[in-house]
């Protein structure tokens, strides 16, 4: 849907076809707020890209490579410049418990990664040696929503069902600014239900995909 279409639906739900209470600018700002909230809560905007690793450097600033990143969900590494390998996620607490002095371990071939959203970093263990530096770290991540700036814009990478949730979010916000508690809560509950429904369907489809992969794997002779 275009921003204009979304805003028209919002006005119909609010019972206001003119801007007596809520201006177009207010609604447009809340529409963008809803996009950011959805992107953060359901991680629906997926991207991937490469970080160039450096010898003896274990940690890298995520936003240096991916300015709009929200979270990391998968990592591959081109080990020794020959083979792409999926790295398992590990926490620093686990490394502390299982590899005493791990930060001082000699450079080698990275075989695990850790990440911290608040610290805005991704780390490799062990740190890369000279055979493992280059455009070797591929990061799969979720990205923030991009604001719409005109009425002809559409919410980039926001699925249609979640575009409908954007309407609920703004309707809830609008009612809240008028102090209409029951209507606010009703719209907010609809918003949350749409997000949950999307995540349930996505998880179900992922399980089906995983099962298909396993079936194909078992059928290999």
Protein backbone atom coordinates (compact mmCIF):
# COMPACT_ATOMS: atom_id res chain seq x y z
CA UNK A 1 0.00 0.00 0.00
CA UNK A 2 1.10 3.56 -0.57
CA UNK A 3 1.43 5.98 2.31
CA UNK A 4 -1.69 7.74 1.05
CA UNK A 5 -3.67 4.50 1.12
CA UNK A 6 -2.45 3.70 4.63
CA UNK A 7 -3.33 7.17 5.85
CA UNK A 8 -6.80 7.00 4.27
CA UNK A 9 -7.47 3.71 6.06
CA UNK A 10 -6.28 5.25 9.32
CA UNK A 11 -8.63 8.21 8.92
CA UNK A 12 -11.56 5.89 8.24
CA UNK A 13 -10.78 3.92 11.39
CA UNK A 14 -10.44 7.12 13.40
CA UNK A 15 -13.71 8.41 11.98
CA UNK A 16 -12.09 11.54 10.65
CA UNK A 17 -11.79 12.12 6.91
CA UNK A 18 -10.47 15.66 7.37
CA UNK A 19 -7.60 16.88 9.56
CA UNK A 20 -9.69 18.37 12.35
CA UNK A 21 -7.87 16.49 15.14
CA UNK A 22 -4.93 14.79 13.45
CA UNK A 23 -2.91 16.47 10.71
CA UNK A 24 -1.42 14.58 7.78
CA UNK A 25 2.03 15.33 9.16
CA UNK A 26 1.16 13.75 12.52
CA UNK A 27 -0.24 10.63 10.88
CA UNK A 28 2.72 10.38 8.50
CA UNK A 29 5.15 10.55 11.42
CA UNK A 30 3.23 7.85 13.29
CA UNK A 31 3.13 5.68 10.18
CA UNK A 32 6.93 5.80 10.09
CA UNK A 33 7.06 5.15 13.84
CA UNK A 34 4.99 2.03 13.24
CA UNK A 35 7.42 0.85 10.56
CA UNK A 36 10.35 1.15 12.96
CA UNK A 37 8.43 -0.65 15.71
CA UNK A 38 7.43 -3.50 13.41
CA UNK A 39 10.96 -3.90 12.01
CA UNK A 40 12.35 -4.07 15.54
CA UNK A 41 9.72 -6.44 16.96
CA UNK A 42 9.38 -9.00 14.17
CA UNK A 43 12.71 -8.57 12.32
CA UNK A 44 10.98 -8.81 8.93
CA UNK A 45 13.52 -6.84 6.87
CA UNK A 46 16.34 -9.29 6.13
CA UNK A 47 19.67 -8.41 4.53
CA UNK A 48 23.17 -9.83 4.30
CA UNK A 49 26.60 -8.42 3.60
CA UNK A 50 30.31 -8.93 4.09
CA UNK A 51 32.70 -7.57 6.71
CA UNK A 52 36.39 -7.55 5.83
CA UNK A 53 38.32 -9.33 8.56
CA UNK A 54 41.75 -8.18 9.71
CA UNK A 55 44.55 -10.31 11.08
CA UNK A 56 44.64 -10.37 14.91
CA UNK A 57 41.37 -8.40 15.12
CA UNK A 58 38.55 -10.30 16.77
CA UNK A 59 35.82 -7.63 17.10
CA UNK A 60 34.13 -5.42 14.49
CA UNK A 61 31.62 -2.56 14.76
CA UNK A 62 28.41 -3.72 13.11
CA UNK A 63 27.07 -0.32 12.07
CA UNK A 64 30.35 0.50 10.32
CA UNK A 65 29.41 -2.17 7.79
CA UNK A 66 25.62 -2.11 8.09
CA UNK A 67 24.39 1.30 9.29
CA UNK A 68 20.74 0.24 9.69
CA UNK A 69 21.32 -3.14 11.32
CA UNK A 70 19.03 -4.29 14.14
CA UNK A 71 20.25 -7.80 14.92
CA UNK A 72 22.39 -10.65 13.60
CA UNK A 73 20.71 -14.00 12.98
CA UNK A 74 23.29 -16.00 11.04
CA UNK A 75 27.00 -15.87 10.14
CA UNK A 76 29.15 -17.63 7.55
CA UNK A 77 32.93 -17.50 7.39
CA UNK A 78 35.23 -18.21 4.43
CA UNK A 79 37.70 -20.31 6.38
CA UNK A 80 41.27 -20.13 5.12
CA UNK A 81 39.97 -18.54 1.93
CA UNK A 82 38.74 -21.91 0.65
CA UNK A 83 35.44 -22.97 2.25
CA UNK A 84 32.33 -21.18 3.45
CA UNK A 85 31.31 -22.52 6.86
CA UNK A 86 28.36 -21.57 9.05
CA UNK A 87 29.69 -20.41 12.42
CA UNK A 88 27.88 -21.34 15.63
CA UNK A 89 26.88 -18.56 18.02
CA UNK A 90 28.59 -18.52 21.41
CA UNK A 91 28.34 -16.12 24.33
CA UNK A 92 31.31 -14.49 25.99
CA UNK A 93 30.20 -16.07 29.26
CA UNK A 94 30.51 -19.50 27.65
CA UNK A 95 33.96 -18.64 26.31
CA UNK A 96 34.98 -17.49 29.78
CA UNK A 97 33.84 -20.82 31.19
CA UNK A 98 35.24 -23.13 28.51
CA UNK A 99 38.29 -21.28 27.22
CA UNK A 100 40.10 -19.50 30.04
CA UNK A 101 42.12 -16.65 28.64
CA UNK A 102 40.35 -16.90 25.29
CA UNK A 103 41.00 -13.26 24.46
CA UNK A 104 44.72 -14.02 24.51
CA UNK A 105 44.46 -17.13 22.35
CA UNK A 106 46.75 -17.18 19.30
CA UNK A 107 45.36 -16.12 15.93
CA UNK A 108 43.90 -18.99 13.96
CA UNK A 109 40.86 -19.97 11.90
CA UNK A 110 37.65 -18.50 13.40
CA UNK A 111 35.11 -21.21 14.19
CA UNK A 112 32.66 -19.38 16.50
CA UNK A 113 31.14 -15.92 16.74
CA UNK A 114 29.51 -13.79 19.42
CA UNK A 115 27.54 -10.60 19.12
CA UNK A 116 26.14 -7.85 21.32
CA UNK A 117 23.43 -5.54 20.07
CA UNK A 118 23.89 -2.91 22.77
CA UNK A 119 27.65 -2.82 22.27
CA UNK A 120 27.15 -2.79 18.49
CA UNK A 121 29.75 -5.47 17.81
CA UNK A 122 30.37 -8.88 16.35
CA UNK A 123 33.33 -10.94 17.52
CA UNK A 124 35.19 -13.95 16.18
CA UNK A 125 36.88 -16.70 18.15
CA UNK A 126 39.68 -17.30 17.65
CA UNK A 127 40.80 -14.07 16.01
CA UNK A 128 41.79 -14.43 12.34
CA UNK A 129 45.32 -15.24 11.29
CA UNK A 130 46.84 -14.09 7.99
CA UNK A 131 45.08 -16.91 6.12
CA UNK A 132 41.70 -15.66 7.30
CA UNK A 133 41.76 -11.94 6.58
CA UNK A 134 39.77 -10.44 3.76
CA UNK A 135 36.10 -10.22 2.74
CA UNK A 136 35.49 -13.42 4.64
CA UNK A 137 32.78 -12.67 7.21
CA UNK A 138 29.25 -12.81 5.76
CA UNK A 139 26.60 -11.56 8.15
CA UNK A 140 22.87 -12.22 7.81
CA UNK A 141 20.94 -9.59 9.70
CA UNK A 142 17.65 -7.77 10.18
CA UNK A 143 17.53 -4.12 9.23
CA UNK A 144 15.55 -1.09 10.33
CA UNK A 145 12.65 0.31 8.34
CA UNK A 146 13.22 3.17 5.89
CA UNK A 147 10.93 6.18 6.38
CA UNK A 148 8.41 7.02 3.69
CA UNK A 149 8.68 10.64 2.59
CA UNK A 150 5.93 10.96 -0.02
CA UNK A 151 2.36 9.74 -0.45
CA UNK A 152 3.42 7.57 -3.40
CA UNK A 153 5.99 5.67 -1.30
CA UNK A 154 5.30 2.14 -0.09
CA UNK A 155 6.73 0.55 3.08
CA UNK A 156 9.89 -1.11 1.79
CA UNK A 157 10.11 -4.81 2.71
CA UNK A 158 7.09 -4.64 5.04
CA UNK A 159 4.70 -7.50 4.07
CA UNK A 160 1.09 -6.58 3.35
CA UNK A 161 -0.25 -8.13 6.56
CA UNK A 162 2.13 -5.97 8.55
CA UNK A 163 1.15 -2.90 6.54
CA UNK A 164 -2.32 -3.50 7.96
CA UNK A 165 -0.69 -3.59 11.40
CA UNK A 166 0.74 -0.15 10.68
CA UNK A 167 -2.84 1.10 10.48
CA UNK A 168 -3.63 -0.41 13.91
CA UNK A 169 -0.53 1.16 15.45
CA UNK A 170 -1.39 4.65 14.24
CA UNK A 171 -5.07 4.32 15.16
CA UNK A 172 -4.02 3.32 18.68
CA UNK A 173 -1.63 6.27 18.88
CA UNK A 174 -4.28 8.66 17.63
CA UNK A 175 -6.86 7.51 20.16
CA UNK A 176 -4.27 7.70 22.92
CA UNK A 177 -3.59 11.37 22.16
CA UNK A 178 -7.29 12.05 22.73
CA UNK A 179 -7.39 10.09 25.99
CA UNK A 180 -9.77 7.44 24.65
CA UNK A 181 -8.47 4.48 26.64
CA UNK A 182 -10.81 1.69 25.51
CA UNK A 183 -10.36 2.49 21.82
CA UNK A 184 -6.62 2.80 22.33
CA UNK A 185 -6.41 -0.64 23.92
CA UNK A 186 -8.63 -2.22 21.27
CA UNK A 187 -6.45 -0.94 18.42
CA UNK A 188 -3.28 -1.89 20.30
CA UNK A 189 -4.54 -5.45 20.81
CA UNK A 190 -5.30 -5.73 17.09
CA UNK A 191 -1.79 -4.51 16.34
CA UNK A 192 -0.20 -7.09 18.65
CA UNK A 193 -2.37 -9.89 17.25
CA UNK A 194 -1.27 -9.08 13.71
CA UNK A 195 2.39 -9.20 14.72
CA UNK A 196 1.92 -12.52 16.52
CA UNK A 197 0.00 -13.97 13.57
CA UNK A 198 2.79 -12.98 11.20
CA UNK A 199 5.48 -14.52 13.40
CA UNK A 200 3.51 -17.76 13.86
CA UNK A 201 3.02 -18.10 10.10
CA UNK A 202 6.67 -17.30 9.41
CA UNK A 203 7.85 -19.88 11.95
CA UNK A 204 5.48 -22.47 10.50
CA UNK A 205 6.77 -21.87 6.98
CA UNK A 206 10.34 -22.10 8.22
CA UNK A 207 9.61 -25.44 9.89
CA UNK A 208 8.13 -26.71 6.62
CA UNK A 209 11.21 -25.54 4.71
CA UNK A 210 13.50 -27.23 7.25
CA UNK A 211 11.50 -30.46 6.97
CA UNK A 212 11.72 -30.36 3.17
CA UNK A 213 15.49 -29.92 3.40
CA UNK A 214 15.75 -32.92 5.74
CA UNK A 215 13.53 -35.05 3.47
CA UNK A 216 15.71 -34.23 0.46
CA UNK A 217 18.82 -34.95 2.51
CA UNK A 218 17.46 -38.39 3.58
CA UNK A 219 16.59 -39.24 -0.03
CA UNK A 220 20.15 -38.77 -1.25
CA UNK A 221 21.68 -42.09 -2.28
